[in-house]
Amino acid sequence: EIAVYAERTDIAEEIKRLSAHLDQFRDLLQGSNARPIGRTLDF
């Protein structure tokens, strides 16, 4: 029963992906590439 609940409420993957999005967002903001990034940031 505990294993079923743990599987249903596990948010480790979401936390990891959201953290990765934050890092990518910062990289784009701080990058030296002159290409437009607005649409990428919006996505």
PDB file of all heavy atoms in Angstrom:
ATOM      1  N   GLU A   1       0.825  -1.211   0.000  1.00  0.00           N
ATOM      2  CA  GLU A   1       0.000   0.000   0.000  1.00  0.00           C
ATOM      3  C   GLU A   1       0.858   1.260   0.000  1.00  0.00           C
ATOM      4  O   GLU A   1       0.582   2.225  -0.707  1.00  0.00           O
ATOM      5  CB  GLU A   1      -0.919  -0.024   1.230  1.00  0.00           C
ATOM      6  CG  GLU A   1      -1.777   1.221   1.392  1.00  0.00           C
ATOM      7  CD  GLU A   1      -2.769   1.389   0.272  1.00  0.00           C
ATOM      8  OE1 GLU A   1      -3.133   0.386  -0.376  1.00  0.00           O
ATOM      9  OE2 GLU A   1      -3.200   2.545   0.021  1.00  0.00           O
ATOM     10  N   ILE A   2       1.913   1.233   0.796  1.00  0.00           N
ATOM     11  CA  ILE A   2       2.806   2.398   0.855  1.00  0.00           C
ATOM     12  C   ILE A   2       3.522   2.586  -0.470  1.00  0.00           C
ATOM     13  O   ILE A   2       3.707   3.717  -0.946  1.00  0.00           O
ATOM     14  CB  ILE A   2       3.827   2.221   2.011  1.00  0.00           C
ATOM     15  CG1 ILE A   2       3.091   2.225   3.359  1.00  0.00           C
ATOM     16  CG2 ILE A   2       4.881   3.331   1.965  1.00  0.00           C
ATOM     17  CD1 ILE A   2       3.982   1.884   4.536  1.00  0.00           C
ATOM     18  N   ALA A   3       3.924   1.485  -1.113  1.00  0.00           N
ATOM     19  CA  ALA A   3       4.616   1.576  -2.404  1.00  0.00           C
ATOM     20  C   ALA A   3       3.711   2.182  -3.471  1.00  0.00           C
ATOM     21  O   ALA A   3       4.158   2.988  -4.301  1.00  0.00           O
ATOM     22  CB  ALA A   3       5.100   0.191  -2.830  1.00  0.00           C
ATOM     23  N   VAL A   4       2.438   1.785  -3.468  1.00  0.00           N
ATOM     24  CA  VAL A   4       1.492   2.343  -4.437  1.00  0.00           C
ATOM     25  C   VAL A   4       1.333   3.838  -4.218  1.00  0.00           C
ATOM     26  O   VAL A   4       1.319   4.635  -5.175  1.00  0.00           O
ATOM     27  CB  VAL A   4       0.127   1.622  -4.328  1.00  0.00           C
ATOM     28  CG1 VAL A   4      -0.932   2.350  -5.163  1.00  0.00           C
ATOM     29  CG2 VAL A   4       0.255   0.180  -4.775  1.00  0.00           C
ATOM     30  N   TYR A   5       1.209   4.257  -2.986  1.00  0.00           N
ATOM     31  CA  TYR A   5       1.064   5.686  -2.682  1.00  0.00           C
ATOM     32  C   TYR A   5       2.317   6.465  -3.088  1.00  0.00           C
ATOM     33  O   TYR A   5       2.236   7.555  -3.652  1.00  0.00           O
ATOM     34  CB  TYR A   5       0.792   5.870  -1.184  1.00  0.00           C
ATOM     35  CG  TYR A   5       0.642   7.311  -0.767  1.00  0.00           C
ATOM     36  CD1 TYR A   5      -0.571   7.975  -0.924  1.00  0.00           C
ATOM     37  CD2 TYR A   5       1.721   8.015  -0.232  1.00  0.00           C
ATOM     38  CE1 TYR A   5      -0.712   9.289  -0.544  1.00  0.00           C
ATOM     39  CE2 TYR A   5       1.593   9.333   0.152  1.00  0.00           C
ATOM     40  CZ  TYR A   5       0.374   9.967  -0.013  1.00  0.00           C
ATOM     41  OH  TYR A   5       0.243  11.275   0.364  1.00  0.00           O
ATOM     42  N   ALA A   6       3.481   5.869  -2.785  1.00  0.00           N
ATOM     43  CA  ALA A   6       4.741   6.534  -3.118  1.00  0.00           C
ATOM     44  C   ALA A   6       4.884   6.727  -4.624  1.00  0.00           C
ATOM     45  O   ALA A   6       5.348   7.770  -5.103  1.00  0.00           O
ATOM     46  CB  ALA A   6       5.917   5.727  -2.571  1.00  0.00           C
ATOM     47  N   GLU A   7       4.473   5.714  -5.391  1.00  0.00           N
ATOM     48  CA  GLU A   7       4.553   5.819  -6.844  1.00  0.00           C
ATOM     49  C   GLU A   7       3.610   6.903  -7.366  1.00  0.00           C
ATOM     50  O   GLU A   7       3.955   7.660  -8.275  1.00  0.00           O
ATOM     51  CB  GLU A   7       4.200   4.466  -7.464  1.00  0.00           C
ATOM     52  CG  GLU A   7       4.224   4.445  -8.985  1.00  0.00           C
ATOM     53  CD  GLU A   7       5.616   4.622  -9.547  1.00  0.00           C
ATOM     54  OE1 GLU A   7       6.603   4.325  -8.829  1.00  0.00           O
ATOM     55  OE2 GLU A   7       5.728   5.057 -10.711  1.00  0.00           O
ATOM     56  N   ARG A   8       2.426   6.977  -6.786  1.00  0.00           N
ATOM     57  CA  ARG A   8       1.425   7.945  -7.247  1.00  0.00           C
ATOM     58  C   ARG A   8       1.809   9.380  -6.902  1.00  0.00           C
ATOM     59  O   ARG A   8       1.475  10.310  -7.629  1.00  0.00           O
ATOM     60  CB  ARG A   8       0.079   7.589  -6.633  1.00  0.00           C
ATOM     61  CG  ARG A   8      -1.080   8.408  -7.187  1.00  0.00           C
ATOM     62  CD  ARG A   8      -2.420   7.874  -6.722  1.00  0.00           C
ATOM     63  NE  ARG A   8      -2.589   7.999  -5.281  1.00  0.00           N
ATOM     64  CZ  ARG A   8      -2.633   6.997  -4.426  1.00  0.00           C
ATOM     65  NH1 ARG A   8      -2.517   5.746  -4.882  1.00  0.00           N
ATOM     66  NH2 ARG A   8      -2.793   7.176  -3.130  1.00  0.00           N
ATOM     67  N   THR A   9       2.507   9.591  -5.816  1.00  0.00           N
ATOM     68  CA  THR A   9       2.832  10.950  -5.366  1.00  0.00           C
ATOM     69  C   THR A   9       4.297  11.335  -5.589  1.00  0.00           C
ATOM     70  O   THR A   9       4.727  12.392  -5.126  1.00  0.00           O
ATOM     71  CB  THR A   9       2.500  11.093  -3.866  1.00  0.00           C
ATOM     72  OG1 THR A   9       3.280  10.150  -3.122  1.00  0.00           O
ATOM     73  CG2 THR A   9       1.016  10.865  -3.625  1.00  0.00           C
ATOM     74  N   ASP A  10       5.030  10.488  -6.285  1.00  0.00           N
ATOM     75  CA  ASP A  10       6.454  10.786  -6.509  1.00  0.00           C
ATOM     76  C   ASP A  10       6.609  11.993  -7.451  1.00  0.00           C
ATOM     77  O   ASP A  10       6.093  11.992  -8.577  1.00  0.00           O
ATOM     78  CB  ASP A  10       7.143   9.564  -7.106  1.00  0.00           C
ATOM     79  CG  ASP A  10       8.628   9.811  -7.328  1.00  0.00           C
ATOM     80  OD1 ASP A  10       9.218  10.584  -6.554  1.00  0.00           O
ATOM     81  OD2 ASP A  10       9.181   9.245  -8.292  1.00  0.00           O
ATOM     82  N   ILE A  11       7.324  13.012  -7.003  1.00  0.00           N
ATOM     83  CA  ILE A  11       7.519  14.226  -7.806  1.00  0.00           C
ATOM     84  C   ILE A  11       9.001  14.477  -8.080  1.00  0.00           C
ATOM     85  O   ILE A  11       9.378  15.577  -8.491  1.00  0.00           O
ATOM     86  CB  ILE A  11       6.898  15.456  -7.115  1.00  0.00           C
ATOM     87  CG1 ILE A  11       7.475  15.625  -5.692  1.00  0.00           C
ATOM     88  CG2 ILE A  11       5.374  15.356  -7.082  1.00  0.00           C
ATOM     89  CD1 ILE A  11       7.004  16.879  -4.991  1.00  0.00           C
ATOM     90  N   ALA A  12       9.827  13.465  -7.880  1.00  0.00           N
ATOM     91  CA  ALA A  12      11.268  13.652  -8.079  1.00  0.00           C
ATOM     92  C   ALA A  12      11.589  14.036  -9.527  1.00  0.00           C
ATOM     93  O   ALA A  12      12.437  14.904  -9.781  1.00  0.00           O
ATOM     94  CB  ALA A  12      12.013  12.375  -7.682  1.00  0.00           C
ATOM     95  N   GLU A  13      10.920  13.384 -10.487  1.00  0.00           N
ATOM     96  CA  GLU A  13      11.181  13.682 -11.901  1.00  0.00           C
ATOM     97  C   GLU A  13      10.808  15.116 -12.235  1.00  0.00           C
ATOM     98  O   GLU A  13      11.530  15.821 -12.941  1.00  0.00           O
ATOM     99  CB  GLU A  13      10.389  12.711 -12.788  1.00  0.00           C
ATOM    100  CG  GLU A  13      10.890  11.291 -12.792  1.00  0.00           C
ATOM    101  CD  GLU A  13      12.186  11.139 -13.579  1.00  0.00           C
ATOM    102  OE1 GLU A  13      12.461  12.006 -14.438  1.00  0.00           O
ATOM    103  OE2 GLU A  13      12.925  10.172 -13.322  1.00  0.00           O
ATOM    104  N   GLU A  14       9.666  15.557 -11.734  1.00  0.00           N
ATOM    105  CA  GLU A  14       9.210  16.922 -12.014  1.00  0.00           C
ATOM    106  C   GLU A  14      10.153  17.957 -11.392  1.00  0.00           C
ATOM    107  O   GLU A  14      10.451  18.985 -12.015  1.00  0.00           O
ATOM    108  CB  GLU A  14       7.789  17.128 -11.483  1.00  0.00           C
ATOM    109  CG  GLU A  14       6.710  16.424 -12.282  1.00  0.00           C
ATOM    110  CD  GLU A  14       6.661  14.918 -12.000  1.00  0.00           C
ATOM    111  OE1 GLU A  14       7.309  14.465 -11.044  1.00  0.00           O
ATOM    112  OE2 GLU A  14       5.970  14.211 -12.767  1.00  0.00           O
ATOM    113  N   ILE A  15      10.605  17.680 -10.188  1.00  0.00           N
ATOM    114  CA  ILE A  15      11.549  18.599  -9.531  1.00  0.00           C
ATOM    115  C   ILE A  15      12.840  18.692 -10.336  1.00  0.00           C
ATOM    116  O   ILE A  15      13.387  19.789 -10.549  1.00  0.00           O
ATOM    117  CB  ILE A  15      11.838  18.124  -8.087  1.00  0.00           C
ATOM    118  CG1 ILE A  15      10.589  18.265  -7.217  1.00  0.00           C
ATOM    119  CG2 ILE A  15      13.000  18.923  -7.487  1.00  0.00           C
ATOM    120  CD1 ILE A  15      10.745  17.676  -5.823  1.00  0.00           C
ATOM    121  N   LYS A  16      13.305  17.551 -10.816  1.00  0.00           N
ATOM    122  CA  LYS A  16      14.549  17.527 -11.595  1.00  0.00           C
ATOM    123  C   LYS A  16      14.405  18.290 -12.894  1.00  0.00           C
ATOM    124  O   LYS A  16      15.278  19.075 -13.280  1.00  0.00           O
ATOM    125  CB  LYS A  16      14.944  16.075 -11.870  1.00  0.00           C
ATOM    126  CG  LYS A  16      16.281  15.916 -12.568  1.00  0.00           C
ATOM    127  CD  LYS A  16      16.648  14.445 -12.704  1.00  0.00           C
ATOM    128  CE  LYS A  16      18.008  14.287 -13.389  1.00  0.00           C
ATOM    129  NZ  LYS A  16      18.377  12.857 -13.523  1.00  0.00           N
ATOM    130  N   ARG A  17      13.286  18.068 -13.595  1.00  0.00           N
ATOM    131  CA  ARG A  17      13.087  18.766 -14.869  1.00  0.00           C
ATOM    132  C   ARG A  17      12.908  20.267 -14.661  1.00  0.00           C
ATOM    133  O   ARG A  17      13.446  21.073 -15.435  1.00  0.00           O
ATOM    134  CB  ARG A  17      11.875  18.180 -15.604  1.00  0.00           C
ATOM    135  CG  ARG A  17      12.141  16.835 -16.255  1.00  0.00           C
ATOM    136  CD  ARG A  17      11.052  16.486 -17.259  1.00  0.00           C
ATOM    137  NE  ARG A  17       9.774  16.288 -16.585  1.00  0.00           N
ATOM    138  CZ  ARG A  17       9.322  15.098 -16.184  1.00  0.00           C
ATOM    139  NH1 ARG A  17      10.063  14.016 -16.358  1.00  0.00           N
ATOM    140  NH2 ARG A  17       8.138  14.986 -15.612  1.00  0.00           N
ATOM    141  N   LEU A  18      12.164  20.657 -13.650  1.00  0.00           N
ATOM    142  CA  LEU A  18      11.974  22.085 -13.388  1.00  0.00           C
ATOM    143  C   LEU A  18      13.299  22.751 -13.038  1.00  0.00           C
ATOM    144  O   LEU A  18      13.596  23.862 -13.487  1.00  0.00           O
ATOM    145  CB  LEU A  18      10.962  22.282 -12.258  1.00  0.00           C
ATOM    146  CG  LEU A  18      10.621  23.736 -11.875  1.00  0.00           C
ATOM    147  CD1 LEU A  18      10.235  24.547 -13.095  1.00  0.00           C
ATOM    148  CD2 LEU A  18       9.508  23.751 -10.832  1.00  0.00           C
ATOM    149  N   SER A  19      14.129  22.064 -12.266  1.00  0.00           N
ATOM    150  CA  SER A  19      15.446  22.596 -11.936  1.00  0.00           C
ATOM    151  C   SER A  19      16.310  22.746 -13.188  1.00  0.00           C
ATOM    152  O   SER A  19      17.028  23.741 -13.351  1.00  0.00           O
ATOM    153  CB  SER A  19      16.133  21.675 -10.922  1.00  0.00           C
ATOM    154  OG  SER A  19      17.420  22.150 -10.594  1.00  0.00           O
ATOM    155  N   ALA A  20      16.215  21.764 -14.100  1.00  0.00           N
ATOM    156  CA  ALA A  20      16.982  21.847 -15.345  1.00  0.00           C
ATOM    157  C   ALA A  20      16.500  23.013 -16.211  1.00  0.00           C
ATOM    158  O   ALA A  20      17.302  23.706 -16.847  1.00  0.00           O
ATOM    159  CB  ALA A  20      16.854  20.537 -16.119  1.00  0.00           C
ATOM    160  N   HIS A  21      15.189  23.255 -16.233  1.00  0.00           N
ATOM    161  CA  HIS A  21      14.649  24.395 -16.986  1.00  0.00           C
ATOM    162  C   HIS A  21      15.167  25.718 -16.417  1.00  0.00           C
ATOM    163  O   HIS A  21      15.478  26.648 -17.172  1.00  0.00           O
ATOM    164  CB  HIS A  21      13.124  24.374 -16.943  1.00  0.00           C
ATOM    165  CG  HIS A  21      12.507  23.250 -17.719  1.00  0.00           C
ATOM    166  ND1 HIS A  21      13.116  22.668 -18.809  1.00  0.00           N
ATOM    167  CD2 HIS A  21      11.320  22.590 -17.558  1.00  0.00           C
ATOM    168  CE1 HIS A  21      12.348  21.713 -19.290  1.00  0.00           C
ATOM    169  NE2 HIS A  21      11.256  21.647 -18.552  1.00  0.00           N
ATOM    170  N   LEU A  22      15.264  25.796 -15.100  1.00  0.00           N
ATOM    171  CA  LEU A  22      15.799  27.010 -14.479  1.00  0.00           C
ATOM    172  C   LEU A  22      17.237  27.259 -14.917  1.00  0.00           C
ATOM    173  O   LEU A  22      17.614  28.390 -15.246  1.00  0.00           O
ATOM    174  CB  LEU A  22      15.735  26.904 -12.947  1.00  0.00           C
ATOM    175  CG  LEU A  22      14.351  26.955 -12.293  1.00  0.00           C
ATOM    176  CD1 LEU A  22      14.465  26.699 -10.805  1.00  0.00           C
ATOM    177  CD2 LEU A  22      13.695  28.300 -12.553  1.00  0.00           C
ATOM    178  N   ASP A  23      18.035  26.218 -14.924  1.00  0.00           N
ATOM    179  CA  ASP A  23      19.434  26.353 -15.344  1.00  0.00           C
ATOM    180  C   ASP A  23      19.525  26.789 -16.808  1.00  0.00           C
ATOM    181  O   ASP A  23      20.336  27.657 -17.161  1.00  0.00           O
ATOM    182  CB  ASP A  23      20.175  25.026 -15.146  1.00  0.00           C
ATOM    183  CG  ASP A  23      20.331  24.667 -13.681  1.00  0.00           C
ATOM    184  OD1 ASP A  23      20.242  25.586 -12.835  1.00  0.00           O
ATOM    185  OD2 ASP A  23      20.532  23.469 -13.381  1.00  0.00           O
ATOM    186  N   GLN A  24      18.701  26.164 -17.660  1.00  0.00           N
ATOM    187  CA  GLN A  24      18.734  26.528 -19.080  1.00  0.00           C
ATOM    188  C   GLN A  24      18.268  27.966 -19.282  1.00  0.00           C
ATOM    189  O   GLN A  24      18.823  28.696 -20.114  1.00  0.00           O
ATOM    190  CB  GLN A  24      17.841  25.578 -19.875  1.00  0.00           C
ATOM    191  CG  GLN A  24      17.948  25.779 -21.388  1.00  0.00           C
ATOM    192  CD  GLN A  24      17.124  24.770 -22.165  1.00  0.00           C
ATOM    193  OE1 GLN A  24      16.439  23.921 -21.590  1.00  0.00           O
ATOM    194  NE2 GLN A  24      17.172  24.870 -23.483  1.00  0.00           N
ATOM    195  N   PHE A  25      17.279  28.388 -18.520  1.00  0.00           N
ATOM    196  CA  PHE A  25      16.784  29.760 -18.614  1.00  0.00           C
ATOM    197  C   PHE A  25      17.905  30.743 -18.276  1.00  0.00           C
ATOM    198  O   PHE A  25      18.119  31.742 -18.990  1.00  0.00           O
ATOM    199  CB  PHE A  25      15.610  29.940 -17.647  1.00  0.00           C
ATOM    200  CG  PHE A  25      14.545  30.866 -18.138  1.00  0.00           C
ATOM    201  CD1 PHE A  25      13.350  30.382 -18.628  1.00  0.00           C
ATOM    202  CD2 PHE A  25      14.727  32.236 -18.105  1.00  0.00           C
ATOM    203  CE1 PHE A  25      12.361  31.244 -19.072  1.00  0.00           C
ATOM    204  CE2 PHE A  25      13.749  33.103 -18.543  1.00  0.00           C
ATOM    205  CZ  PHE A  25      12.562  32.600 -19.034  1.00  0.00           C
ATOM    206  N   ARG A  26      18.623  30.457 -17.207  1.00  0.00           N
ATOM    207  CA  ARG A  26      19.730  31.346 -16.808  1.00  0.00           C
ATOM    208  C   ARG A  26      20.835  31.360 -17.863  1.00  0.00           C
ATOM    209  O   ARG A  26      21.413  32.410 -18.148  1.00  0.00           O
ATOM    210  CB  ARG A  26      20.286  30.899 -15.460  1.00  0.00           C
ATOM    211  CG  ARG A  26      19.384  31.163 -14.265  1.00  0.00           C
ATOM    212  CD  ARG A  26      20.159  31.008 -12.959  1.00  0.00           C
ATOM    213  NE  ARG A  26      19.341  31.264 -11.797  1.00  0.00           N
ATOM    214  CZ  ARG A  26      18.703  30.327 -11.103  1.00  0.00           C
ATOM    215  NH1 ARG A  26      18.817  29.055 -11.478  1.00  0.00           N
ATOM    216  NH2 ARG A  26      17.975  30.627 -10.048  1.00  0.00           N
ATOM    217  N   ASP A  27      21.126  30.196 -18.416  1.00  0.00           N
ATOM    218  CA  ASP A  27      22.173  30.124 -19.448  1.00  0.00           C
ATOM    219  C   ASP A  27      21.814  30.995 -20.648  1.00  0.00           C
ATOM    220  O   ASP A  27      22.677  31.679 -21.215  1.00  0.00           O
ATOM    221  CB  ASP A  27      22.384  28.676 -19.890  1.00  0.00           C
ATOM    222  CG  ASP A  27      23.038  27.831 -18.818  1.00  0.00           C
ATOM    223  OD1 ASP A  27      23.639  28.411 -17.892  1.00  0.00           O
ATOM    224  OD2 ASP A  27      22.940  26.589 -18.900  1.00  0.00           O
ATOM    225  N   LEU A  28      20.554  30.967 -21.051  1.00  0.00           N
ATOM    226  CA  LEU A  28      20.123  31.775 -22.187  1.00  0.00           C
ATOM    227  C   LEU A  28      20.203  33.266 -21.875  1.00  0.00           C
ATOM    228  O   LEU A  28      20.625  34.071 -22.714  1.00  0.00           O
ATOM    229  CB  LEU A  28      18.695  31.403 -22.585  1.00  0.00           C
ATOM    230  CG  LEU A  28      18.513  30.047 -23.278  1.00  0.00           C
ATOM    231  CD1 LEU A  28      17.044  29.696 -23.397  1.00  0.00           C
ATOM    232  CD2 LEU A  28      19.171  30.073 -24.657  1.00  0.00           C
ATOM    233  N   LEU A  29      19.811  33.646 -20.670  1.00  0.00           N
ATOM    234  CA  LEU A  29      19.853  35.058 -20.288  1.00  0.00           C
ATOM    235  C   LEU A  29      21.284  35.580 -20.220  1.00  0.00           C
ATOM    236  O   LEU A  29      21.556  36.732 -20.555  1.00  0.00           O
ATOM    237  CB  LEU A  29      19.166  35.270 -18.940  1.00  0.00           C
ATOM    238  CG  LEU A  29      17.647  35.119 -18.899  1.00  0.00           C
ATOM    239  CD1 LEU A  29      17.138  35.297 -17.471  1.00  0.00           C
ATOM    240  CD2 LEU A  29      16.973  36.128 -19.825  1.00  0.00           C
ATOM    241  N   GLN A  30      22.199  34.728 -19.782  1.00  0.00           N
ATOM    242  CA  GLN A  30      23.583  35.158 -19.596  1.00  0.00           C
ATOM    243  C   GLN A  30      24.454  34.871 -20.805  1.00  0.00           C
ATOM    244  O   GLN A  30      25.632  35.245 -20.822  1.00  0.00           O
ATOM    245  CB  GLN A  30      24.167  34.452 -18.365  1.00  0.00           C
ATOM    246  CG  GLN A  30      23.442  34.788 -17.073  1.00  0.00           C
ATOM    247  CD  GLN A  30      23.861  33.909 -15.910  1.00  0.00           C
ATOM    248  OE1 GLN A  30      24.737  33.050 -16.058  1.00  0.00           O
ATOM    249  NE2 GLN A  30      23.238  34.095 -14.754  1.00  0.00           N
ATOM    250  N   GLY A  31      23.910  34.209 -21.813  1.00  0.00           N
ATOM    251  CA  GLY A  31      24.704  33.837 -22.979  1.00  0.00           C
ATOM    252  C   GLY A  31      25.129  35.039 -23.794  1.00  0.00           C
ATOM    253  O   GLY A  31      24.497  36.099 -23.782  1.00  0.00           O
ATOM    254  N   SER A  32      26.212  34.883 -24.525  1.00  0.00           N
ATOM    255  CA  SER A  32      26.769  35.968 -25.356  1.00  0.00           C
ATOM    256  C   SER A  32      26.298  35.866 -26.806  1.00  0.00           C
ATOM    257  O   SER A  32      26.659  36.708 -27.627  1.00  0.00           O
ATOM    258  CB  SER A  32      28.301  35.908 -25.323  1.00  0.00           C
ATOM    259  OG  SER A  32      28.776  34.639 -25.758  1.00  0.00           O
ATOM    260  N   ASN A  33      25.515  34.839 -27.123  1.00  0.00           N
ATOM    261  CA  ASN A  33      25.017  34.677 -28.487  1.00  0.00           C
ATOM    262  C   ASN A  33      24.042  35.808 -28.819  1.00  0.00           C
ATOM    263  O   ASN A  33      23.130  36.108 -28.044  1.00  0.00           O
ATOM    264  CB  ASN A  33      24.309  33.321 -28.623  1.00  0.00           C
ATOM    265  CG  ASN A  33      24.131  32.940 -30.087  1.00  0.00           C
ATOM    266  OD1 ASN A  33      23.887  33.791 -30.934  1.00  0.00           O
ATOM    267  ND2 ASN A  33      24.267  31.656 -30.372  1.00  0.00           N
ATOM    268  N   ALA A  34      24.231  36.426 -29.967  1.00  0.00           N
ATOM    269  CA  ALA A  34      23.413  37.580 -30.339  1.00  0.00           C
ATOM    270  C   ALA A  34      22.063  37.187 -30.934  1.00  0.00           C
ATOM    271  O   ALA A  34      21.239  38.054 -31.202  1.00  0.00           O
ATOM    272  CB  ALA A  34      24.167  38.453 -31.343  1.00  0.00           C
ATOM    273  N   ARG A  35      21.816  35.904 -31.136  1.00  0.00           N
ATOM    274  CA  ARG A  35      20.554  35.500 -31.757  1.00  0.00           C
ATOM    275  C   ARG A  35      19.386  35.766 -30.807  1.00  0.00           C
ATOM    276  O   ARG A  35      19.539  35.731 -29.576  1.00  0.00           O
ATOM    277  CB  ARG A  35      20.594  34.025 -32.127  1.00  0.00           C
ATOM    278  CG  ARG A  35      20.653  33.080 -30.939  1.00  0.00           C
ATOM    279  CD  ARG A  35      20.719  31.631 -31.379  1.00  0.00           C
ATOM    280  NE  ARG A  35      20.793  30.726 -30.244  1.00  0.00           N
ATOM    281  CZ  ARG A  35      19.736  30.290 -29.576  1.00  0.00           C
ATOM    282  NH1 ARG A  35      18.537  30.693 -29.931  1.00  0.00           N
ATOM    283  NH2 ARG A  35      19.884  29.463 -28.565  1.00  0.00           N
ATOM    284  N   PRO A  36      18.189  36.011 -31.335  1.00  0.00           N
ATOM    285  CA  PRO A  36      17.012  36.253 -30.489  1.00  0.00           C
ATOM    286  C   PRO A  36      16.681  35.037 -29.632  1.00  0.00           C
ATOM    287  O   PRO A  36      16.760  33.894 -30.091  1.00  0.00           O
ATOM    288  CB  PRO A  36      15.895  36.535 -31.509  1.00  0.00           C
ATOM    289  CG  PRO A  36      16.605  36.981 -32.749  1.00  0.00           C
ATOM    290  CD  PRO A  36      17.895  36.217 -32.770  1.00  0.00           C
ATOM    291  N   ILE A  37      16.328  35.268 -28.387  1.00  0.00           N
ATOM    292  CA  ILE A  37      16.015  34.159 -27.469  1.00  0.00           C
ATOM    293  C   ILE A  37      14.613  34.288 -26.885  1.00  0.00           C
ATOM    294  O   ILE A  37      14.198  33.439 -26.094  1.00  0.00           O
ATOM    295  CB  ILE A  37      17.039  34.099 -26.312  1.00  0.00           C
ATOM    296  CG1 ILE A  37      17.000  35.405 -25.502  1.00  0.00           C
ATOM    297  CG2 ILE A  37      18.434  33.816 -26.836  1.00  0.00           C
ATOM    298  CD1 ILE A  37      17.834  35.342 -24.229  1.00  0.00           C
ATOM    299  N   GLY A  38      13.874  35.322 -27.250  1.00  0.00           N
ATOM    300  CA  GLY A  38      12.579  35.572 -26.633  1.00  0.00           C
ATOM    301  C   GLY A  38      11.614  34.407 -26.766  1.00  0.00           C
ATOM    302  O   GLY A  38      10.983  33.982 -25.787  1.00  0.00           O
ATOM    303  N   ARG A  39      11.485  33.851 -27.974  1.00  0.00           N
ATOM    304  CA  ARG A  39      10.548  32.746 -28.177  1.00  0.00           C
ATOM    305  C   ARG A  39      10.995  31.489 -27.426  1.00  0.00           C
ATOM    306  O   ARG A  39      10.165  30.723 -26.934  1.00  0.00           O
ATOM    307  CB  ARG A  39      10.393  32.461 -29.671  1.00  0.00           C
ATOM    308  CG  ARG A  39       9.634  33.549 -30.422  1.00  0.00           C
ATOM    309  CD  ARG A  39       9.227  33.072 -31.817  1.00  0.00           C
ATOM    310  NE  ARG A  39       8.466  34.096 -32.511  1.00  0.00           N
ATOM    311  CZ  ARG A  39       8.983  35.013 -33.313  1.00  0.00           C
ATOM    312  NH1 ARG A  39      10.278  35.030 -33.526  1.00  0.00           N
ATOM    313  NH2 ARG A  39       8.224  35.913 -33.896  1.00  0.00           N
ATOM    314  N   THR A  40      12.306  31.266 -27.359  1.00  0.00           N
ATOM    315  CA  THR A  40      12.814  30.116 -26.603  1.00  0.00           C
ATOM    316  C   THR A  40      12.487  30.258 -25.127  1.00  0.00           C
ATOM    317  O   THR A  40      12.072  29.297 -24.464  1.00  0.00           O
ATOM    318  CB  THR A  40      14.337  29.972 -26.791  1.00  0.00           C
ATOM    319  OG1 THR A  40      14.645  29.883 -28.182  1.00  0.00           O
ATOM    320  CG2 THR A  40      14.859  28.734 -26.080  1.00  0.00           C
ATOM    321  N   LEU A  41      12.657  31.470 -24.594  1.00  0.00           N
ATOM    322  CA  LEU A  41      12.331  31.711 -23.190  1.00  0.00           C
ATOM    323  C   LEU A  41      10.838  31.525 -22.937  1.00  0.00           C
ATOM    324  O   LEU A  41      10.431  30.983 -21.896  1.00  0.00           O
ATOM    325  CB  LEU A  41      12.754  33.120 -22.784  1.00  0.00           C
ATOM    326  CG  LEU A  41      14.259  33.428 -22.833  1.00  0.00           C
ATOM    327  CD1 LEU A  41      14.522  34.851 -22.372  1.00  0.00           C
ATOM    328  CD2 LEU A  41      15.046  32.441 -21.972  1.00  0.00           C
ATOM    329  N   ASP A  42      10.031  31.979 -23.869  1.00  0.00           N
ATOM    330  CA  ASP A  42       8.582  31.818 -23.741  1.00  0.00           C
ATOM    331  C   ASP A  42       8.214  30.338 -23.685  1.00  0.00           C
ATOM    332  O   ASP A  42       7.374  29.909 -22.875  1.00  0.00           O
ATOM    333  CB  ASP A  42       7.893  32.501 -24.922  1.00  0.00           C
ATOM    334  CG  ASP A  42       6.399  32.657 -24.708  1.00  0.00           C
ATOM    335  OD1 ASP A  42       5.975  32.660 -23.533  1.00  0.00           O
ATOM    336  OD2 ASP A  42       5.665  32.785 -25.696  1.00  0.00           O
ATOM    337  N   PHE A  43       8.842  29.532 -24.545  1.00  0.00           N
ATOM    338  CA  PHE A  43       8.580  28.087 -24.548  1.00  0.00           C
ATOM    339  C   PHE A  43       9.040  27.453 -23.232  1.00  0.00           C
ATOM    340  O   PHE A  43       8.329  26.620 -22.640  1.00  0.00           O
ATOM    341  CB  PHE A  43       9.303  27.433 -25.725  1.00  0.00           C
ATOM    342  CG  PHE A  43       9.257  25.936 -25.708  1.00  0.00           C
ATOM    343  CD1 PHE A  43       8.118  25.255 -26.097  1.00  0.00           C
ATOM    344  CD2 PHE A  43      10.364  25.205 -25.287  1.00  0.00           C
ATOM    345  CE1 PHE A  43       8.071  23.862 -26.073  1.00  0.00           C
ATOM    346  CE2 PHE A  43      10.330  23.819 -25.255  1.00  0.00           C
ATOM    347  CZ  PHE A  43       9.178  23.146 -25.657  1.00  0.00           C
TER     348      PHE A  43
END
